Amino acid sequence: MIKRNFLFLIALLLILGSFSCKQNHKLKDVKHEVIVATFNGNQITQAEFEEQFNIPEASVTEYNLYSLRLELLNLLINEKLILLEAEEMNIKISDEVLTEEFNYRIHKRFHAEIEDKDKLLKTLKTQLIILEFMKRKFSNISFTKKELREYYNQNSDSFYEPDEASVMQIFVLTENLASEIHAQLKKGKKFEVMAKEFNEHPYKENAGSIQTYRKGELPQEFEVVVFKLRRGKFSKVVKSNYGFHIFKLKSKKMARVVEFKEAENMIRNKLTEQAIEKKFKIWITKERSKFDIKINHKYLEK
């Protein structure tokens, strides 16, 4: 099965979608269909562009809308250039693999009837082709243990993990109610039950859930209380600008430095991603230079 991780691929395409083109933008409509971009006989129409990127114009300024459209259009051009190269490399996705990936990624997560399944399948197939292209084109990357160790030593601060606390919380709006709840907890009432009964918005929806925080992430008035608690114990009532809080510590991890042996694979993955990104930038820049890319800036400026 194809590896299920598109985050790096998406990041690459977003980064490289910002390439700008200075070519002539005076493109004519074909049979009243607006052409947004052309490159060596290929074209992107307004309909195709807007199907891919439905931008709510009211949410951005005129300047930002143009910049965003240009960035997204370049992303789409990059995608098409990758697909052309993938075709030259004879990269194909079988119906069997496509169905398997669709069931894993989409169908099992949405039990209701899926609208426009054909469109989803088409998009997924494109993603799988691009991922396979990336793997074949830029897979010849490796690092020695010495290189990994050098990165570890040069970036030692990033392998420090501060104290970490996992807590439940009761949040109410009045001090009197918080004091009453606190008294009930002291008498043996279960914290989880009280949280579900009394929590106010925004904690009401997930009342009783456990949240994990690293030292430095909480407001100071919370941090001094939470990190002094012992496991299974609840705090005094803590006042904030929003209301009154009671915390219960579920677990705590002490600060530590991640050892090289534990960090080795993470470092390898990070360096591999950086190397692939560098290679991909070089490749896409060279590839774009082969094509006479024309962009309809008038459309983008509308």
C-alpha atoms as a PDB file:
ATOM      1  CA  MET A   1       0.000   0.000   0.000  1.00  0.00           C
ATOM      2  CA  ILE A   2       1.231   3.491  -0.793  1.00  0.00           C
ATOM      3  CA  LYS A   3       2.630   5.313   2.239  1.00  0.00           C
ATOM      4  CA  ARG A   4      -0.082   7.463   3.775  1.00  0.00           C
ATOM      5  CA  ASN A   5       1.604  10.790   4.409  1.00  0.00           C
ATOM      6  CA  PHE A   6       0.867  13.844   2.277  1.00  0.00           C
ATOM      7  CA  LEU A   7       1.811  16.574   4.758  1.00  0.00           C
ATOM      8  CA  PHE A   8       5.306  17.063   3.387  1.00  0.00           C
ATOM      9  CA  LEU A   9       4.111  16.861  -0.213  1.00  0.00           C
ATOM     10  CA  ILE A  10       1.441  19.486   0.430  1.00  0.00           C
ATOM     11  CA  ALA A  11       3.986  21.723   2.142  1.00  0.00           C
ATOM     12  CA  LEU A  12       6.270  21.437  -0.867  1.00  0.00           C
ATOM     13  CA  LEU A  13       3.539  22.330  -3.314  1.00  0.00           C
ATOM     14  CA  LEU A  14       2.472  25.297  -1.211  1.00  0.00           C
ATOM     15  CA  ILE A  15       6.048  26.555  -0.967  1.00  0.00           C
ATOM     16  CA  LEU A  16       6.693  26.099  -4.653  1.00  0.00           C
ATOM     17  CA  GLY A  17       3.326  27.479  -5.637  1.00  0.00           C
ATOM     18  CA  SER A  18       4.734  30.906  -4.869  1.00  0.00           C
ATOM     19  CA  PHE A  19       6.961  30.932  -7.988  1.00  0.00           C
ATOM     20  CA  SER A  20       5.984  33.992  -9.995  1.00  0.00           C
ATOM     21  CA  CYS A  21       5.879  34.306 -13.774  1.00  0.00           C
ATOM     22  CA  LYS A  22       6.564  37.553 -15.574  1.00  0.00           C
ATOM     23  CA  GLN A  23       5.464  36.430 -19.025  1.00  0.00           C
ATOM     24  CA  ASN A  24       2.886  38.218 -21.157  1.00  0.00           C
ATOM     25  CA  HIS A  25      -0.608  38.002 -19.624  1.00  0.00           C
ATOM     26  CA  LYS A  26      -2.648  39.060 -22.650  1.00  0.00           C
ATOM     27  CA  LEU A  27      -4.497  35.807 -23.185  1.00  0.00           C
ATOM     28  CA  LYS A  28      -7.685  35.688 -25.209  1.00  0.00           C
ATOM     29  CA  ASP A  29     -10.884  33.882 -24.285  1.00  0.00           C
ATOM     30  CA  VAL A  30     -11.625  30.773 -26.316  1.00  0.00           C
ATOM     31  CA  LYS A  31     -15.331  30.553 -27.147  1.00  0.00           C
ATOM     32  CA  HIS A  32     -16.043  32.866 -24.205  1.00  0.00           C
ATOM     33  CA  GLU A  33     -14.175  30.555 -21.813  1.00  0.00           C
ATOM     34  CA  VAL A  34     -11.623  32.502 -19.805  1.00  0.00           C
ATOM     35  CA  ILE A  35      -8.139  31.014 -20.028  1.00  0.00           C
ATOM     36  CA  VAL A  36      -6.237  31.638 -16.803  1.00  0.00           C
ATOM     37  CA  ALA A  37      -2.882  30.204 -17.884  1.00  0.00           C
ATOM     38  CA  THR A  38      -1.220  28.401 -20.783  1.00  0.00           C
ATOM     39  CA  PHE A  39       2.053  26.518 -21.123  1.00  0.00           C
ATOM     40  CA  ASN A  40       3.215  24.813 -24.331  1.00  0.00           C
ATOM     41  CA  GLY A  41      -0.236  23.870 -25.570  1.00  0.00           C
ATOM     42  CA  ASN A  42      -1.660  23.100 -22.123  1.00  0.00           C
ATOM     43  CA  GLN A  43      -4.188  25.435 -20.568  1.00  0.00           C
ATOM     44  CA  ILE A  44      -5.963  26.115 -17.286  1.00  0.00           C
ATOM     45  CA  THR A  45      -9.457  27.543 -17.606  1.00  0.00           C
ATOM     46  CA  GLN A  46     -11.304  29.737 -15.144  1.00  0.00           C
ATOM     47  CA  ALA A  47     -13.728  26.879 -14.498  1.00  0.00           C
ATOM     48  CA  GLU A  48     -10.903  24.465 -13.660  1.00  0.00           C
ATOM     49  CA  PHE A  49      -9.110  26.981 -11.459  1.00  0.00           C
ATOM     50  CA  GLU A  50     -12.237  27.904  -9.505  1.00  0.00           C
ATOM     51  CA  GLU A  51     -13.220  24.267  -9.129  1.00  0.00           C
ATOM     52  CA  GLN A  52      -9.856  23.634  -7.473  1.00  0.00           C
ATOM     53  CA  PHE A  53      -9.792  26.791  -5.372  1.00  0.00           C
ATOM     54  CA  ASN A  54     -13.072  28.291  -4.209  1.00  0.00           C
ATOM     55  CA  ILE A  55     -11.886  31.515  -2.543  1.00  0.00           C
ATOM     56  CA  PRO A  56     -14.482  33.538  -0.579  1.00  0.00           C
ATOM     57  CA  GLU A  57     -13.664  37.021  -1.887  1.00  0.00           C
ATOM     58  CA  ALA A  58     -15.283  38.762   1.088  1.00  0.00           C
ATOM     59  CA  SER A  59     -12.674  37.213   3.388  1.00  0.00           C
ATOM     60  CA  VAL A  60      -9.621  38.860   1.768  1.00  0.00           C
ATOM     61  CA  THR A  61      -8.598  42.308   0.598  1.00  0.00           C
ATOM     62  CA  GLU A  62      -8.293  43.131  -3.115  1.00  0.00           C
ATOM     63  CA  TYR A  63      -4.476  43.004  -2.905  1.00  0.00           C
ATOM     64  CA  ASN A  64      -4.439  39.758  -0.935  1.00  0.00           C
ATOM     65  CA  LEU A  65      -6.978  38.177  -3.281  1.00  0.00           C
ATOM     66  CA  TYR A  66      -4.710  38.793  -6.282  1.00  0.00           C
ATOM     67  CA  SER A  67      -1.651  37.469  -4.425  1.00  0.00           C
ATOM     68  CA  LEU A  68      -3.551  34.420  -3.220  1.00  0.00           C
ATOM     69  CA  ARG A  69      -4.930  33.668  -6.675  1.00  0.00           C
ATOM     70  CA  LEU A  70      -1.454  33.968  -8.203  1.00  0.00           C
ATOM     71  CA  GLU A  71       0.040  31.670  -5.581  1.00  0.00           C
ATOM     72  CA  LEU A  72      -2.693  29.076  -6.039  1.00  0.00           C
ATOM     73  CA  LEU A  73      -2.475  29.255  -9.817  1.00  0.00           C
ATOM     74  CA  ASN A  74       1.258  28.627  -9.673  1.00  0.00           C
ATOM     75  CA  LEU A  75       0.580  25.699  -7.369  1.00  0.00           C
ATOM     76  CA  LEU A  76      -1.794  24.272  -9.978  1.00  0.00           C
ATOM     77  CA  ILE A  77       0.746  24.824 -12.761  1.00  0.00           C
ATOM     78  CA  ASN A  78       3.382  23.003 -10.690  1.00  0.00           C
ATOM     79  CA  GLU A  79       0.963  20.137 -10.172  1.00  0.00           C
ATOM     80  CA  LYS A  80       0.343  19.832 -13.906  1.00  0.00           C
ATOM     81  CA  LEU A  81       4.074  19.874 -14.661  1.00  0.00           C
ATOM     82  CA  ILE A  82       4.580  17.063 -12.160  1.00  0.00           C
ATOM     83  CA  LEU A  83       1.755  15.068 -13.752  1.00  0.00           C
ATOM     84  CA  LEU A  84       3.295  15.516 -17.220  1.00  0.00           C
ATOM     85  CA  GLU A  85       6.618  14.184 -15.926  1.00  0.00           C
ATOM     86  CA  ALA A  86       4.836  11.353 -14.096  1.00  0.00           C
ATOM     87  CA  GLU A  87       3.210  10.382 -17.392  1.00  0.00           C
ATOM     88  CA  GLU A  88       6.635  10.304 -19.054  1.00  0.00           C
ATOM     89  CA  MET A  89       7.795   8.016 -16.213  1.00  0.00           C
ATOM     90  CA  ASN A  90       4.752   5.790 -16.852  1.00  0.00           C
ATOM     91  CA  ILE A  91       3.480   6.200 -13.298  1.00  0.00           C
ATOM     92  CA  LYS A  92      -0.007   4.759 -12.972  1.00  0.00           C
ATOM     93  CA  ILE A  93      -2.377   4.081 -10.079  1.00  0.00           C
ATOM     94  CA  SER A  94      -4.434   0.924 -10.437  1.00  0.00           C
ATOM     95  CA  ASP A  95      -8.156   0.859  -9.675  1.00  0.00           C
ATOM     96  CA  GLU A  96      -7.414  -1.627  -6.891  1.00  0.00           C
ATOM     97  CA  VAL A  97      -4.957   0.703  -5.143  1.00  0.00           C
ATOM     98  CA  LEU A  98      -7.236   3.707  -5.671  1.00  0.00           C
ATOM     99  CA  THR A  99     -10.200   1.884  -4.114  1.00  0.00           C
ATOM    100  CA  GLU A 100      -8.085   0.715  -1.187  1.00  0.00           C
ATOM    101  CA  GLU A 101      -6.789   4.218  -0.501  1.00  0.00           C
ATOM    102  CA  PHE A 102     -10.245   5.738  -0.910  1.00  0.00           C
ATOM    103  CA  ASN A 103     -11.715   3.318   1.615  1.00  0.00           C
ATOM    104  CA  TYR A 104      -8.899   3.995   4.073  1.00  0.00           C
ATOM    105  CA  ARG A 105      -8.744   7.772   3.759  1.00  0.00           C
ATOM    106  CA  ILE A 106     -12.321   8.773   3.144  1.00  0.00           C
ATOM    107  CA  HIS A 107     -14.998   6.107   3.224  1.00  0.00           C
ATOM    108  CA  LYS A 108     -14.218   4.653   6.658  1.00  0.00           C
ATOM    109  CA  ARG A 109     -14.138   8.148   8.189  1.00  0.00           C
ATOM    110  CA  PHE A 110     -17.473   9.306   6.746  1.00  0.00           C
ATOM    111  CA  HIS A 111     -20.214   6.778   7.309  1.00  0.00           C
ATOM    112  CA  ALA A 112     -22.871   8.908   5.627  1.00  0.00           C
ATOM    113  CA  GLU A 113     -23.384   8.894   1.858  1.00  0.00           C
ATOM    114  CA  ILE A 114     -20.475  10.712   0.166  1.00  0.00           C
ATOM    115  CA  GLU A 115     -21.433  13.380  -2.327  1.00  0.00           C
ATOM    116  CA  ASP A 116     -19.524  13.679  -5.608  1.00  0.00           C
ATOM    117  CA  LYS A 117     -17.547  10.473  -5.133  1.00  0.00           C
ATOM    118  CA  ASP A 118     -16.150  10.657  -8.668  1.00  0.00           C
ATOM    119  CA  LYS A 119     -14.565  14.042  -7.973  1.00  0.00           C
ATOM    120  CA  LEU A 120     -13.025  12.761  -4.738  1.00  0.00           C
ATOM    121  CA  LEU A 121     -11.621   9.732  -6.536  1.00  0.00           C
ATOM    122  CA  LYS A 122     -10.116  11.934  -9.249  1.00  0.00           C
ATOM    123  CA  THR A 123      -8.467  14.200  -6.663  1.00  0.00           C
ATOM    124  CA  LEU A 124      -7.153  11.242  -4.686  1.00  0.00           C
ATOM    125  CA  LYS A 125      -5.723   9.626  -7.818  1.00  0.00           C
ATOM    126  CA  THR A 126      -3.849  12.831  -8.640  1.00  0.00           C
ATOM    127  CA  GLN A 127      -2.437  12.950  -5.107  1.00  0.00           C
ATOM    128  CA  LEU A 128      -1.295   9.331  -5.290  1.00  0.00           C
ATOM    129  CA  ILE A 129       0.406   9.878  -8.658  1.00  0.00           C
ATOM    130  CA  ILE A 130       2.257  12.921  -7.299  1.00  0.00           C
ATOM    131  CA  LEU A 131       3.329  11.038  -4.179  1.00  0.00           C
ATOM    132  CA  GLU A 132       4.641   8.133  -6.247  1.00  0.00           C
ATOM    133  CA  PHE A 133       6.482  10.616  -8.493  1.00  0.00           C
ATOM    134  CA  MET A 134       8.144  12.215  -5.455  1.00  0.00           C
ATOM    135  CA  LYS A 135       9.229   8.831  -4.145  1.00  0.00           C
ATOM    136  CA  ARG A 136      10.742   7.689  -7.437  1.00  0.00           C
ATOM    137  CA  LYS A 137      12.335  11.003  -8.412  1.00  0.00           C
ATOM    138  CA  PHE A 138      13.905  11.967  -5.090  1.00  0.00           C
ATOM    139  CA  SER A 139      14.257   8.719  -3.128  1.00  0.00           C
ATOM    140  CA  ASN A 140      18.022   8.302  -3.436  1.00  0.00           C
ATOM    141  CA  ILE A 141      18.842  10.140  -0.203  1.00  0.00           C
ATOM    142  CA  SER A 142      20.724   8.745   2.792  1.00  0.00           C
ATOM    143  CA  PHE A 143      22.671  10.007   5.806  1.00  0.00           C
ATOM    144  CA  THR A 144      25.473   8.465   7.833  1.00  0.00           C
ATOM    145  CA  LYS A 145      25.197   8.080  11.594  1.00  0.00           C
ATOM    146  CA  LYS A 146      27.953  10.677  11.891  1.00  0.00           C
ATOM    147  CA  GLU A 147      25.825  13.237  10.006  1.00  0.00           C
ATOM    148  CA  LEU A 148      22.816  12.448  12.183  1.00  0.00           C
ATOM    149  CA  ARG A 149      24.913  12.795  15.336  1.00  0.00           C
ATOM    150  CA  GLU A 150      26.296  16.146  14.127  1.00  0.00           C
ATOM    151  CA  TYR A 151      22.758  17.455  13.624  1.00  0.00           C
ATOM    152  CA  TYR A 152      21.803  16.223  17.104  1.00  0.00           C
ATOM    153  CA  ASN A 153      24.777  17.970  18.728  1.00  0.00           C
ATOM    154  CA  GLN A 154      24.268  21.208  16.783  1.00  0.00           C
ATOM    155  CA  ASN A 155      20.548  21.378  17.660  1.00  0.00           C
ATOM    156  CA  SER A 156      20.646  20.114  21.240  1.00  0.00           C
ATOM    157  CA  ASP A 157      18.094  22.693  22.444  1.00  0.00           C
ATOM    158  CA  SER A 158      15.399  21.201  20.214  1.00  0.00           C
ATOM    159  CA  PHE A 159      15.710  17.846  21.991  1.00  0.00           C
ATOM    160  CA  TYR A 160      14.916  19.251  25.414  1.00  0.00           C
ATOM    161  CA  GLU A 161      11.388  18.455  26.611  1.00  0.00           C
ATOM    162  CA  PRO A 162      10.096  20.563  29.546  1.00  0.00           C
ATOM    163  CA  ASP A 163       7.833  19.313  32.328  1.00  0.00           C
ATOM    164  CA  GLU A 164       4.482  18.107  31.020  1.00  0.00           C
ATOM    165  CA  ALA A 165       1.173  17.842  32.887  1.00  0.00           C
ATOM    166  CA  SER A 166      -2.070  16.155  31.836  1.00  0.00           C
ATOM    167  CA  VAL A 167      -5.065  17.648  33.611  1.00  0.00           C
ATOM    168  CA  MET A 168      -8.850  17.741  33.765  1.00  0.00           C
ATOM    169  CA  GLN A 169     -10.607  21.019  34.432  1.00  0.00           C
ATOM    170  CA  ILE A 170     -13.816  22.386  35.862  1.00  0.00           C
ATOM    171  CA  PHE A 171     -14.659  25.902  34.691  1.00  0.00           C
ATOM    172  CA  VAL A 172     -17.574  27.997  36.029  1.00  0.00           C
ATOM    173  CA  LEU A 173     -18.471  31.668  35.900  1.00  0.00           C
ATOM    174  CA  THR A 174     -19.056  32.483  39.587  1.00  0.00           C
ATOM    175  CA  GLU A 175     -16.852  32.143  42.644  1.00  0.00           C
ATOM    176  CA  ASN A 176     -19.741  30.901  44.811  1.00  0.00           C
ATOM    177  CA  LEU A 177     -20.439  27.981  42.496  1.00  0.00           C
ATOM    178  CA  ALA A 178     -16.723  27.174  42.217  1.00  0.00           C
ATOM    179  CA  SER A 179     -16.472  27.113  46.025  1.00  0.00           C
ATOM    180  CA  GLU A 180     -19.507  24.833  46.317  1.00  0.00           C
ATOM    181  CA  ILE A 181     -18.042  22.423  43.743  1.00  0.00           C
ATOM    182  CA  HIS A 182     -14.701  22.470  45.551  1.00  0.00           C
ATOM    183  CA  ALA A 183     -16.413  21.600  48.823  1.00  0.00           C
ATOM    184  CA  GLN A 184     -18.230  18.687  47.155  1.00  0.00           C
ATOM    185  CA  LEU A 185     -14.929  17.415  45.746  1.00  0.00           C
ATOM    186  CA  LYS A 186     -13.414  17.481  49.224  1.00  0.00           C
ATOM    187  CA  LYS A 187     -16.335  15.349  50.425  1.00  0.00           C
ATOM    188  CA  GLY A 188     -15.521  12.714  47.823  1.00  0.00           C
ATOM    189  CA  LYS A 189     -17.574  13.643  44.766  1.00  0.00           C
ATOM    190  CA  LYS A 190     -15.933  12.392  41.554  1.00  0.00           C
ATOM    191  CA  PHE A 191     -14.141  15.120  39.616  1.00  0.00           C
ATOM    192  CA  GLU A 192     -15.188  13.639  36.280  1.00  0.00           C
ATOM    193  CA  VAL A 193     -18.874  13.708  37.230  1.00  0.00           C
ATOM    194  CA  MET A 194     -18.707  17.297  38.498  1.00  0.00           C
ATOM    195  CA  ALA A 195     -16.867  18.389  35.337  1.00  0.00           C
ATOM    196  CA  LYS A 196     -19.582  16.980  33.093  1.00  0.00           C
ATOM    197  CA  GLU A 197     -22.354  18.506  35.204  1.00  0.00           C
ATOM    198  CA  PHE A 198     -21.021  22.017  35.757  1.00  0.00           C
ATOM    199  CA  ASN A 199     -18.487  22.928  33.074  1.00  0.00           C
ATOM    200  CA  GLU A 200     -19.312  26.084  31.112  1.00  0.00           C
ATOM    201  CA  HIS A 201     -18.467  26.918  27.490  1.00  0.00           C
ATOM    202  CA  PRO A 202     -15.918  26.425  25.957  1.00  0.00           C
ATOM    203  CA  TYR A 203     -15.161  23.380  28.147  1.00  0.00           C
ATOM    204  CA  LYS A 204     -18.733  22.091  28.347  1.00  0.00           C
ATOM    205  CA  GLU A 205     -18.613  20.268  25.002  1.00  0.00           C
ATOM    206  CA  ASN A 206     -15.584  18.206  26.064  1.00  0.00           C
ATOM    207  CA  ALA A 207     -16.239  18.105  29.783  1.00  0.00           C
ATOM    208  CA  GLY A 208     -14.167  15.452  31.488  1.00  0.00           C
ATOM    209  CA  SER A 209     -11.534  15.319  28.740  1.00  0.00           C
ATOM    210  CA  ILE A 210      -7.834  15.351  29.541  1.00  0.00           C
ATOM    211  CA  GLN A 211      -5.613  18.124  28.178  1.00  0.00           C
ATOM    212  CA  THR A 212      -1.821  17.972  28.151  1.00  0.00           C
ATOM    213  CA  TYR A 213       0.362  21.067  28.577  1.00  0.00           C
ATOM    214  CA  ARG A 214       4.082  21.660  28.596  1.00  0.00           C
ATOM    215  CA  LYS A 215       5.592  24.050  31.089  1.00  0.00           C
ATOM    216  CA  GLY A 216       5.380  27.536  29.622  1.00  0.00           C
ATOM    217  CA  GLU A 217       2.166  26.921  27.652  1.00  0.00           C
ATOM    218  CA  LEU A 218      -0.313  27.791  30.412  1.00  0.00           C
ATOM    219  CA  PRO A 219      -1.037  31.255  31.848  1.00  0.00           C
ATOM    220  CA  GLN A 220       1.176  31.886  34.859  1.00  0.00           C
ATOM    221  CA  GLU A 221      -1.706  31.721  37.370  1.00  0.00           C
ATOM    222  CA  PHE A 222      -2.561  28.233  36.122  1.00  0.00           C
ATOM    223  CA  GLU A 223       0.993  26.969  35.746  1.00  0.00           C
ATOM    224  CA  VAL A 224       2.070  27.617  39.326  1.00  0.00           C
ATOM    225  CA  VAL A 225      -0.937  25.607  40.524  1.00  0.00           C
ATOM    226  CA  VAL A 226      -0.979  22.747  38.000  1.00  0.00           C
ATOM    227  CA  PHE A 227       2.707  21.833  38.169  1.00  0.00           C
ATOM    228  CA  LYS A 228       2.662  21.705  41.983  1.00  0.00           C
ATOM    229  CA  LEU A 229      -0.162  19.162  42.086  1.00  0.00           C
ATOM    230  CA  ARG A 230       0.439  15.514  42.857  1.00  0.00           C
ATOM    231  CA  ARG A 231      -1.076  12.854  40.628  1.00  0.00           C
ATOM    232  CA  GLY A 232      -4.783  12.324  41.330  1.00  0.00           C
ATOM    233  CA  LYS A 233      -5.104  15.499  43.413  1.00  0.00           C
ATOM    234  CA  PHE A 234      -7.225  18.547  42.588  1.00  0.00           C
ATOM    235  CA  SER A 235      -6.341  22.211  43.004  1.00  0.00           C
ATOM    236  CA  LYS A 236      -7.805  25.097  44.911  1.00  0.00           C
ATOM    237  CA  VAL A 237     -10.151  27.435  43.035  1.00  0.00           C
ATOM    238  CA  VAL A 238      -8.110  29.535  40.585  1.00  0.00           C
ATOM    239  CA  LYS A 239      -9.450  32.854  39.317  1.00  0.00           C
ATOM    240  CA  SER A 240      -8.859  34.062  35.755  1.00  0.00           C
ATOM    241  CA  ASN A 241     -10.194  36.875  33.553  1.00  0.00           C
ATOM    242  CA  TYR A 242     -12.872  34.472  32.292  1.00  0.00           C
ATOM    243  CA  GLY A 243     -14.112  32.807  35.457  1.00  0.00           C
ATOM    244  CA  PHE A 244     -13.062  30.253  38.055  1.00  0.00           C
ATOM    245  CA  HIS A 245     -11.166  27.016  37.526  1.00  0.00           C
ATOM    246  CA  ILE A 246     -10.393  23.806  39.392  1.00  0.00           C
ATOM    247  CA  PHE A 247      -7.749  21.423  38.017  1.00  0.00           C
ATOM    248  CA  LYS A 248      -7.079  17.739  38.638  1.00  0.00           C
ATOM    249  CA  LEU A 249      -3.700  16.268  37.738  1.00  0.00           C
ATOM    250  CA  LYS A 250      -3.968  12.966  35.886  1.00  0.00           C
ATOM    251  CA  SER A 251      -0.283  12.467  35.082  1.00  0.00           C
ATOM    252  CA  LYS A 252       3.004  14.328  34.927  1.00  0.00           C
ATOM    253  CA  LYS A 253       6.237  13.896  32.983  1.00  0.00           C
ATOM    254  CA  MET A 254       9.443  15.427  34.248  1.00  0.00           C
ATOM    255  CA  ALA A 255      11.670  17.511  31.987  1.00  0.00           C
ATOM    256  CA  ARG A 256      14.204  15.490  30.003  1.00  0.00           C
ATOM    257  CA  VAL A 257      16.617  15.541  27.103  1.00  0.00           C
ATOM    258  CA  VAL A 258      15.731  13.105  24.324  1.00  0.00           C
ATOM    259  CA  GLU A 259      18.688  10.794  23.798  1.00  0.00           C
ATOM    260  CA  PHE A 260      20.271  10.456  20.353  1.00  0.00           C
ATOM    261  CA  LYS A 261      19.167   6.829  19.979  1.00  0.00           C
ATOM    262  CA  GLU A 262      15.522   7.847  20.435  1.00  0.00           C
ATOM    263  CA  ALA A 263      15.854  10.904  18.173  1.00  0.00           C
ATOM    264  CA  GLU A 264      17.823   9.221  15.384  1.00  0.00           C
ATOM    265  CA  ASN A 265      14.902   8.273  13.116  1.00  0.00           C
ATOM    266  CA  MET A 266      13.218  11.643  13.642  1.00  0.00           C
ATOM    267  CA  ILE A 267      16.443  13.422  12.617  1.00  0.00           C
ATOM    268  CA  ARG A 268      16.823  11.197   9.559  1.00  0.00           C
ATOM    269  CA  ASN A 269      13.247  11.972   8.472  1.00  0.00           C
ATOM    270  CA  LYS A 270      13.740  15.698   8.992  1.00  0.00           C
ATOM    271  CA  LEU A 271      16.985  15.817   7.022  1.00  0.00           C
ATOM    272  CA  THR A 272      15.457  13.689   4.282  1.00  0.00           C
ATOM    273  CA  GLU A 273      12.530  16.087   3.961  1.00  0.00           C
ATOM    274  CA  GLN A 274      14.902  19.053   3.772  1.00  0.00           C
ATOM    275  CA  ALA A 275      16.983  17.326   1.091  1.00  0.00           C
ATOM    276  CA  ILE A 276      13.906  16.389  -0.952  1.00  0.00           C
ATOM    277  CA  GLU A 277      12.614  19.949  -0.701  1.00  0.00           C
ATOM    278  CA  LYS A 278      15.928  21.301  -1.980  1.00  0.00           C
ATOM    279  CA  LYS A 279      16.034  18.812  -4.877  1.00  0.00           C
ATOM    280  CA  PHE A 280      12.410  19.472  -5.730  1.00  0.00           C
ATOM    281  CA  LYS A 281      12.945  23.231  -5.831  1.00  0.00           C
ATOM    282  CA  ILE A 282      15.829  22.782  -8.252  1.00  0.00           C
ATOM    283  CA  TRP A 283      13.804  20.393 -10.397  1.00  0.00           C
ATOM    284  CA  ILE A 284      10.611  22.490 -10.569  1.00  0.00           C
ATOM    285  CA  THR A 285      12.570  25.684 -11.334  1.00  0.00           C
ATOM    286  CA  LYS A 286      14.354  23.935 -14.206  1.00  0.00           C
ATOM    287  CA  GLU A 287      11.116  22.353 -15.402  1.00  0.00           C
ATOM    288  CA  ARG A 288       9.234  25.665 -15.457  1.00  0.00           C
ATOM    289  CA  SER A 289      12.025  27.235 -17.505  1.00  0.00           C
ATOM    290  CA  LYS A 290      11.325  24.702 -20.299  1.00  0.00           C
ATOM    291  CA  PHE A 291       7.758  25.959 -20.733  1.00  0.00           C
ATOM    292  CA  ASP A 292       6.439  29.207 -22.162  1.00  0.00           C
ATOM    293  CA  ILE A 293       4.137  29.948 -19.229  1.00  0.00           C
ATOM    294  CA  LYS A 294       1.629  32.748 -19.739  1.00  0.00           C
ATOM    295  CA  ILE A 295      -0.601  33.921 -16.910  1.00  0.00           C
ATOM    296  CA  ASN A 296      -3.794  35.956 -17.276  1.00  0.00           C
ATOM    297  CA  HIS A 297      -3.094  38.631 -14.660  1.00  0.00           C
ATOM    298  CA  LYS A 298      -6.208  40.554 -15.700  1.00  0.00           C
ATOM    299  CA  TYR A 299      -8.356  37.676 -14.483  1.00  0.00           C
ATOM    300  CA  LEU A 300      -6.373  37.421 -11.250  1.00  0.00           C
ATOM    301  CA  GLU A 301      -6.793  41.145 -10.621  1.00  0.00           C
ATOM    302  CA  LYS A 302     -10.579  41.105 -11.019  1.00  0.00           C
END
